[in-house]
């Protein structure tokens, strides 16, 4: 029987929400092993002078405990 744990991670990108998600998973995988899935809980963006300058995501990462 596997035991799973969920952590919450925030990430941002100047490119897209998808890029912010990929960056979060890549960074988390350096210290968290056995990542099984990621759930995008929330998305937002920063706007300056009428233009989107940063995409932000709030993620839940699920991984298996050893």
Protein backbone atom coordinates (compact mmCIF):
# COMPACT_ATOMS: atom_id res chain seq x y z
CA UNK A 1 0.00 0.00 0.00
CA UNK A 2 1.38 3.39 -0.98
CA UNK A 3 1.20 6.41 1.29
CA UNK A 4 0.95 9.73 -0.51
CA UNK A 5 1.56 13.28 0.68
CA UNK A 6 0.42 16.59 -0.81
CA UNK A 7 2.35 19.86 -0.62
CA UNK A 8 1.36 23.29 -1.86
CA UNK A 9 3.76 25.17 -4.14
CA UNK A 10 3.64 28.64 -5.69
CA UNK A 11 5.43 29.43 -8.95
CA UNK A 12 5.58 32.16 -11.57
CA UNK A 13 6.73 32.71 -15.13
CA UNK A 14 6.94 35.62 -17.54
CA UNK A 15 5.86 33.27 -20.36
CA UNK A 16 2.74 31.27 -19.38
CA UNK A 17 0.86 29.36 -16.69
CA UNK A 18 2.09 26.15 -18.30
CA UNK A 19 5.71 27.29 -17.98
CA UNK A 20 5.14 28.26 -14.34
CA UNK A 21 3.74 24.77 -13.69
CA UNK A 22 6.70 23.07 -15.37
CA UNK A 23 9.16 25.20 -13.40
CA UNK A 24 7.46 24.30 -10.12
CA UNK A 25 7.59 20.56 -10.84
CA UNK A 26 11.22 20.70 -11.99
CA UNK A 27 12.28 22.64 -8.89
CA UNK A 28 10.26 20.46 -6.48
CA UNK A 29 11.65 17.27 -8.01
CA UNK A 30 15.15 18.29 -6.88
CA UNK A 31 14.17 17.73 -3.23
CA UNK A 32 10.95 15.71 -3.45
CA UNK A 33 11.13 12.21 -4.93
CA UNK A 34 8.39 10.05 -6.44
CA UNK A 35 6.12 12.89 -7.63
CA UNK A 36 2.92 11.32 -8.93
CA UNK A 37 0.77 14.26 -10.00
CA UNK A 38 0.23 17.99 -9.92
CA UNK A 39 -3.08 19.82 -9.53
CA UNK A 40 -3.32 23.46 -10.57
CA UNK A 41 -5.42 24.91 -7.78
CA UNK A 42 -5.35 28.56 -8.81
CA UNK A 43 -4.03 30.81 -11.57
CA UNK A 44 -3.43 34.54 -11.53
CA UNK A 45 -1.43 37.15 -13.38
CA UNK A 46 0.31 40.45 -12.65
CA UNK A 47 -0.61 43.37 -14.88
CA UNK A 48 1.39 46.56 -15.43
CA UNK A 49 0.37 49.35 -17.77
CA UNK A 50 -2.35 47.21 -19.34
CA UNK A 51 -0.09 44.23 -20.10
CA UNK A 52 0.34 40.86 -18.39
CA UNK A 53 3.85 40.77 -16.96
CA UNK A 54 3.82 37.57 -14.90
CA UNK A 55 1.77 34.36 -14.78
CA UNK A 56 1.33 32.74 -11.35
CA UNK A 57 0.12 29.31 -10.32
CA UNK A 58 -0.74 27.74 -6.99
CA UNK A 59 -0.16 23.98 -7.24
CA UNK A 60 -0.73 20.90 -5.17
CA UNK A 61 1.98 18.30 -5.77
CA UNK A 62 1.29 14.71 -4.76
CA UNK A 63 4.17 12.34 -4.09
CA UNK A 64 4.70 8.88 -2.61
CA UNK A 65 6.44 8.54 0.74
CA UNK A 66 9.24 6.00 0.96
